Amino acid sequence: MEHIEEKLAHLMRTVDDLSDVVARQETEIALLTRRVEMLMRREAERDSDPTGGVVIGDERPPHY
């Protein structure tokens, strides 16, 4: 019986540790999701701005 109680205590500790890991990952995923959304909005705004000033491919810069 003591052996079973020891294993149960160990398993309960493992479940608690894993729960903490999942909670941290959930927070990190939420943060990263917000950052990706912000970057996508920023890129969409830059694409829609005609004065972006980004040289693409073989385009000549405006000073030529």
PDB file of N, CA and C in Angstrom:
ATOM      1  N   MET A   1       0.830  -1.193   0.000  1.00  0.00           N
ATOM      2  CA  MET A   1       0.000   0.000   0.000  1.00  0.00           C
ATOM      3  C   MET A   1       0.877   1.262   0.000  1.00  0.00           C
ATOM      4  N   GLU A   2       1.959   1.241   0.732  1.00  0.00           N
ATOM      5  CA  GLU A   2       2.858   2.385   0.814  1.00  0.00           C
ATOM      6  C   GLU A   2       3.467   2.681  -0.560  1.00  0.00           C
ATOM      7  N   HIS A   3       3.785   1.632  -1.282  1.00  0.00           N
ATOM      8  CA  HIS A   3       4.361   1.782  -2.621  1.00  0.00           C
ATOM      9  C   HIS A   3       3.362   2.493  -3.558  1.00  0.00           C
ATOM     10  N   ILE A   4       2.099   2.123  -3.469  1.00  0.00           N
ATOM     11  CA  ILE A   4       1.059   2.736  -4.307  1.00  0.00           C
ATOM     12  C   ILE A   4       0.889   4.207  -3.941  1.00  0.00           C
ATOM     13  N   GLU A   5       0.901   4.508  -2.652  1.00  0.00           N
ATOM     14  CA  GLU A   5       0.774   5.903  -2.222  1.00  0.00           C
ATOM     15  C   GLU A   5       1.964   6.734  -2.710  1.00  0.00           C
ATOM     16  N   GLU A   6       3.141   6.146  -2.695  1.00  0.00           N
ATOM     17  CA  GLU A   6       4.336   6.839  -3.176  1.00  0.00           C
ATOM     18  C   GLU A   6       4.221   7.121  -4.674  1.00  0.00           C
ATOM     19  N   LYS A   7       3.778   6.133  -5.427  1.00  0.00           N
ATOM     20  CA  LYS A   7       3.607   6.318  -6.870  1.00  0.00           C
ATOM     21  C   LYS A   7       2.537   7.364  -7.153  1.00  0.00           C
ATOM     22  N   LEU A   8       1.453   7.335  -6.402  1.00  0.00           N
ATOM     23  CA  LEU A   8       0.379   8.307  -6.577  1.00  0.00           C
ATOM     24  C   LEU A   8       0.891   9.727  -6.301  1.00  0.00           C
ATOM     25  N   ALA A   9       1.657   9.889  -5.247  1.00  0.00           N
ATOM     26  CA  ALA A   9       2.226  11.199  -4.925  1.00  0.00           C
ATOM     27  C   ALA A   9       3.142  11.681  -6.052  1.00  0.00           C
ATOM     28  N   HIS A  10       3.940  10.779  -6.583  1.00  0.00           N
ATOM     29  CA  HIS A  10       4.829  11.119  -7.687  1.00  0.00           C
ATOM     30  C   HIS A  10       4.024  11.538  -8.925  1.00  0.00           C
ATOM     31  N   LEU A  11       2.986  10.787  -9.236  1.00  0.00           N
ATOM     32  CA  LEU A  11       2.150  11.105 -10.390  1.00  0.00           C
ATOM     33  C   LEU A  11       1.420  12.430 -10.211  1.00  0.00           C
ATOM     34  N   MET A  12       0.965  12.709  -9.006  1.00  0.00           N
ATOM     35  CA  MET A  12       0.295  13.974  -8.733  1.00  0.00           C
ATOM     36  C   MET A  12       1.264  15.145  -8.917  1.00  0.00           C
ATOM     37  N   ARG A  13       2.485  14.968  -8.480  1.00  0.00           N
ATOM     38  CA  ARG A  13       3.505  16.012  -8.657  1.00  0.00           C
ATOM     39  C   ARG A  13       3.790  16.224 -10.142  1.00  0.00           C
ATOM     40  N   THR A  14       3.875  15.146 -10.893  1.00  0.00           N
ATOM     41  CA  THR A  14       4.119  15.247 -12.330  1.00  0.00           C
ATOM     42  C   THR A  14       2.979  15.976 -13.030  1.00  0.00           C
ATOM     43  N   VAL A  15       1.746  15.667 -12.656  1.00  0.00           N
ATOM     44  CA  VAL A  15       0.585  16.336 -13.244  1.00  0.00           C
ATOM     45  C   VAL A  15       0.618  17.830 -12.913  1.00  0.00           C
ATOM     46  N   ASP A  16       0.953  18.192 -11.704  1.00  0.00           N
ATOM     47  CA  ASP A  16       1.055  19.601 -11.319  1.00  0.00           C
ATOM     48  C   ASP A  16       2.142  20.314 -12.127  1.00  0.00           C
ATOM     49  N   ASP A  17       3.288  19.663 -12.278  1.00  0.00           N
ATOM     50  CA  ASP A  17       4.381  20.252 -13.063  1.00  0.00           C
ATOM     51  C   ASP A  17       3.958  20.454 -14.516  1.00  0.00           C
ATOM     52  N   LEU A  18       3.306  19.452 -15.090  1.00  0.00           N
ATOM     53  CA  LEU A  18       2.859  19.562 -16.469  1.00  0.00           C
ATOM     54  C   LEU A  18       1.791  20.651 -16.623  1.00  0.00           C
ATOM     55  N   SER A  19       0.954  20.783 -15.637  1.00  0.00           N
ATOM     56  CA  SER A  19      -0.062  21.830 -15.669  1.00  0.00           C
ATOM     57  C   SER A  19       0.590  23.210 -15.688  1.00  0.00           C
ATOM     58  N   ASP A  20       1.642  23.392 -14.904  1.00  0.00           N
ATOM     59  CA  ASP A  20       2.370  24.657 -14.903  1.00  0.00           C
ATOM     60  C   ASP A  20       3.002  24.934 -16.264  1.00  0.00           C
ATOM     61  N   VAL A  21       3.564  23.903 -16.869  1.00  0.00           N
ATOM     62  CA  VAL A  21       4.182  24.056 -18.186  1.00  0.00           C
ATOM     63  C   VAL A  21       3.127  24.463 -19.214  1.00  0.00           C
ATOM     64  N   VAL A  22       1.986  23.813 -19.198  1.00  0.00           N
ATOM     65  CA  VAL A  22       0.919  24.126 -20.149  1.00  0.00           C
ATOM     66  C   VAL A  22       0.424  25.558 -19.940  1.00  0.00           C
ATOM     67  N   ALA A  23       0.301  25.997 -18.713  1.00  0.00           N
ATOM     68  CA  ALA A  23      -0.145  27.362 -18.432  1.00  0.00           C
ATOM     69  C   ALA A  23       0.866  28.377 -18.973  1.00  0.00           C
ATOM     70  N   ARG A  24       2.161  28.127 -18.787  1.00  0.00           N
ATOM     71  CA  ARG A  24       3.188  29.034 -19.330  1.00  0.00           C
ATOM     72  C   ARG A  24       3.145  29.052 -20.847  1.00  0.00           C
ATOM     73  N   GLN A  25       2.972  27.889 -21.447  1.00  0.00           N
ATOM     74  CA  GLN A  25       2.918  27.813 -22.910  1.00  0.00           C
ATOM     75  C   GLN A  25       1.695  28.554 -23.440  1.00  0.00           C
ATOM     76  N   GLU A  26       0.579  28.459 -22.746  1.00  0.00           N
ATOM     77  CA  GLU A  26      -0.630  29.160 -23.171  1.00  0.00           C
ATOM     78  C   GLU A  26      -0.392  30.671 -23.172  1.00  0.00           C
ATOM     79  N   THR A  27       0.275  31.175 -22.152  1.00  0.00           N
ATOM     80  CA  THR A  27       0.594  32.597 -22.079  1.00  0.00           C
ATOM     81  C   THR A  27       1.532  33.000 -23.205  1.00  0.00           C
ATOM     82  N   GLU A  28       2.547  32.193 -23.442  1.00  0.00           N
ATOM     83  CA  GLU A  28       3.515  32.493 -24.493  1.00  0.00           C
ATOM     84  C   GLU A  28       2.861  32.437 -25.876  1.00  0.00           C
ATOM     85  N   ILE A  29       2.009  31.470 -26.113  1.00  0.00           N
ATOM     86  CA  ILE A  29       1.316  31.359 -27.397  1.00  0.00           C
ATOM     87  C   ILE A  29       0.421  32.579 -27.611  1.00  0.00           C
ATOM     88  N   ALA A  30      -0.267  33.012 -26.584  1.00  0.00           N
ATOM     89  CA  ALA A  30      -1.126  34.192 -26.709  1.00  0.00           C
ATOM     90  C   ALA A  30      -0.295  35.427 -27.062  1.00  0.00           C
ATOM     91  N   LEU A  31       0.846  35.593 -26.414  1.00  0.00           N
ATOM     92  CA  LEU A  31       1.735  36.718 -26.705  1.00  0.00           C
ATOM     93  C   LEU A  31       2.237  36.654 -28.146  1.00  0.00           C
ATOM     94  N   LEU A  32       2.693  35.487 -28.569  1.00  0.00           N
ATOM     95  CA  LEU A  32       3.207  35.331 -29.925  1.00  0.00           C
ATOM     96  C   LEU A  32       2.105  35.539 -30.965  1.00  0.00           C
ATOM     97  N   THR A  33       0.904  35.108 -30.670  1.00  0.00           N
ATOM     98  CA  THR A  33      -0.220  35.314 -31.580  1.00  0.00           C
ATOM     99  C   THR A  33      -0.501  36.798 -31.751  1.00  0.00           C
ATOM    100  N   ARG A  34      -0.494  37.546 -30.637  1.00  0.00           N
ATOM    101  CA  ARG A  34      -0.710  38.993 -30.728  1.00  0.00           C
ATOM    102  C   ARG A  34       0.393  39.661 -31.546  1.00  0.00           C
ATOM    103  N   ARG A  35       1.634  39.221 -31.366  1.00  0.00           N
ATOM    104  CA  ARG A  35       2.735  39.812 -32.128  1.00  0.00           C
ATOM    105  C   ARG A  35       2.613  39.518 -33.621  1.00  0.00           C
ATOM    106  N   VAL A  36       2.243  38.302 -33.972  1.00  0.00           N
ATOM    107  CA  VAL A  36       2.070  37.950 -35.383  1.00  0.00           C
ATOM    108  C   VAL A  36       0.940  38.782 -35.983  1.00  0.00           C
ATOM    109  N   GLU A  37      -0.165  38.937 -35.269  1.00  0.00           N
ATOM    110  CA  GLU A  37      -1.280  39.744 -35.767  1.00  0.00           C
ATOM    111  C   GLU A  37      -0.841  41.189 -35.977  1.00  0.00           C
ATOM    112  N   MET A  38      -0.057  41.737 -35.037  1.00  0.00           N
ATOM    113  CA  MET A  38       0.438  43.095 -35.157  1.00  0.00           C
ATOM    114  C   MET A  38       1.335  43.227 -36.392  1.00  0.00           C
ATOM    115  N   LEU A  39       2.233  42.274 -36.591  1.00  0.00           N
ATOM    116  CA  LEU A  39       3.124  42.308 -37.744  1.00  0.00           C
ATOM    117  C   LEU A  39       2.355  42.180 -39.053  1.00  0.00           C
ATOM    118  N   MET A  40       1.326  41.353 -39.058  1.00  0.00           N
ATOM    119  CA  MET A  40       0.520  41.201 -40.272  1.00  0.00           C
ATOM    120  C   MET A  40      -0.234  42.489 -40.586  1.00  0.00           C
ATOM    121  N   ARG A  41      -0.780  43.153 -39.547  1.00  0.00           N
ATOM    122  CA  ARG A  41      -1.452  44.436 -39.765  1.00  0.00           C
ATOM    123  C   ARG A  41      -0.463  45.469 -40.290  1.00  0.00           C
ATOM    124  N   ARG A  42       0.717  45.508 -39.688  1.00  0.00           N
ATOM    125  CA  ARG A  42       1.740  46.466 -40.103  1.00  0.00           C
ATOM    126  C   ARG A  42       2.145  46.227 -41.558  1.00  0.00           C
ATOM    127  N   GLU A  43       2.319  44.965 -41.927  1.00  0.00           N
ATOM    128  CA  GLU A  43       2.693  44.640 -43.307  1.00  0.00           C
ATOM    129  C   GLU A  43       1.572  44.995 -44.273  1.00  0.00           C
ATOM    130  N   ALA A  44       0.323  44.753 -43.886  1.00  0.00           N
ATOM    131  CA  ALA A  44      -0.812  45.107 -44.739  1.00  0.00           C
ATOM    132  C   ALA A  44      -0.877  46.614 -44.931  1.00  0.00           C
ATOM    133  N   GLU A  45      -0.630  47.371 -43.882  1.00  0.00           N
ATOM    134  CA  GLU A  45      -0.620  48.831 -43.998  1.00  0.00           C
ATOM    135  C   GLU A  45       0.514  49.278 -44.914  1.00  0.00           C
ATOM    136  N   ARG A  46       1.666  48.651 -44.796  1.00  0.00           N
ATOM    137  CA  ARG A  46       2.805  49.022 -45.616  1.00  0.00           C
ATOM    138  C   ARG A  46       2.536  48.683 -47.085  1.00  0.00           C
ATOM    139  N   ASP A  47       1.881  47.554 -47.338  1.00  0.00           N
ATOM    140  CA  ASP A  47       1.547  47.171 -48.706  1.00  0.00           C
ATOM    141  C   ASP A  47       0.539  48.131 -49.326  1.00  0.00           C
ATOM    142  N   SER A  48      -0.392  48.642 -48.525  1.00  0.00           N
ATOM    143  CA  SER A  48      -1.420  49.532 -49.053  1.00  0.00           C
ATOM    144  C   SER A  48      -0.926  50.974 -49.163  1.00  0.00           C
ATOM    145  N   ASP A  49       0.196  51.310 -48.569  1.00  0.00           N
ATOM    146  CA  ASP A  49       0.747  52.666 -48.619  1.00  0.00           C
ATOM    147  C   ASP A  49       1.563  52.833 -49.900  1.00  0.00           C
ATOM    148  N   PRO A  50       1.110  53.703 -50.822  1.00  0.00           N
ATOM    149  CA  PRO A  50       1.832  53.848 -52.088  1.00  0.00           C
ATOM    150  C   PRO A  50       3.203  54.514 -51.934  1.00  0.00           C
ATOM    151  N   THR A  51       3.455  55.167 -50.846  1.00  0.00           N
ATOM    152  CA  THR A  51       4.746  55.848 -50.638  1.00  0.00           C
ATOM    153  C   THR A  51       5.654  55.022 -49.745  1.00  0.00           C
ATOM    154  N   GLY A  52       5.534  53.718 -49.830  1.00  0.00           N
ATOM    155  CA  GLY A  52       6.311  52.832 -48.963  1.00  0.00           C
ATOM    156  C   GLY A  52       7.802  52.975 -49.128  1.00  0.00           C
ATOM    157  N   GLY A  53       8.253  53.298 -50.338  1.00  0.00           N
ATOM    158  CA  GLY A  53       9.673  53.490 -50.562  1.00  0.00           C
ATOM    159  C   GLY A  53      10.484  52.212 -50.548  1.00  0.00           C
ATOM    160  N   VAL A  54       9.846  51.091 -50.743  1.00  0.00           N
ATOM    161  CA  VAL A  54      10.559  49.825 -50.747  1.00  0.00           C
ATOM    162  C   VAL A  54      10.928  49.473 -52.183  1.00  0.00           C
ATOM    163  N   VAL A  55      12.202  49.208 -52.433  1.00  0.00           N
ATOM    164  CA  VAL A  55      12.650  48.821 -53.767  1.00  0.00           C
ATOM    165  C   VAL A  55      12.484  47.319 -53.898  1.00  0.00           C
ATOM    166  N   ILE A  56      11.727  46.916 -54.931  1.00  0.00           N
ATOM    167  CA  ILE A  56      11.455  45.498 -55.130  1.00  0.00           C
ATOM    168  C   ILE A  56      12.081  45.064 -56.443  1.00  0.00           C
ATOM    169  N   GLY A  57      12.837  44.000 -56.414  1.00  0.00           N
ATOM    170  CA  GLY A  57      13.393  43.412 -57.623  1.00  0.00           C
ATOM    171  C   GLY A  57      14.261  44.371 -58.407  1.00  0.00           C
ATOM    172  N   ASP A  58      13.893  44.577 -59.689  1.00  0.00           N
ATOM    173  CA  ASP A  58      14.693  45.395 -60.595  1.00  0.00           C
ATOM    174  C   ASP A  58      14.230  46.841 -60.679  1.00  0.00           C
ATOM    175  N   GLU A  59      13.342  47.257 -59.768  1.00  0.00           N
ATOM    176  CA  GLU A  59      12.876  48.639 -59.809  1.00  0.00           C
ATOM    177  C   GLU A  59      14.028  49.594 -59.517  1.00  0.00           C
ATOM    178  N   ARG A  60      14.007  50.709 -60.208  1.00  0.00           N
ATOM    179  CA  ARG A  60      15.025  51.713 -59.959  1.00  0.00           C
ATOM    180  C   ARG A  60      14.613  52.576 -58.770  1.00  0.00           C
ATOM    181  N   PRO A  61      15.554  52.943 -57.944  1.00  0.00           N
ATOM    182  CA  PRO A  61      15.230  53.868 -56.849  1.00  0.00           C
ATOM    183  C   PRO A  61      14.804  55.222 -57.435  1.00  0.00           C
ATOM    184  N   PRO A  62      14.059  56.023 -56.703  1.00  0.00           N
ATOM    185  CA  PRO A  62      13.516  57.278 -57.227  1.00  0.00           C
ATOM    186  C   PRO A  62      14.579  58.295 -57.644  1.00  0.00           C
ATOM    187  N   HIS A  63      15.809  58.210 -57.195  1.00  0.00           N
ATOM    188  CA  HIS A  63      16.824  59.212 -57.514  1.00  0.00           C
ATOM    189  C   HIS A  63      17.480  58.974 -58.866  1.00  0.00           C
ATOM    190  N   TYR A  64      17.097  57.930 -59.633  1.00  0.00           N
ATOM    191  CA  TYR A  64      17.672  57.690 -60.950  1.00  0.00           C
ATOM    192  C   TYR A  64      16.933  58.470 -61.996  1.00  0.00           C
TER     193      TYR A  64
END
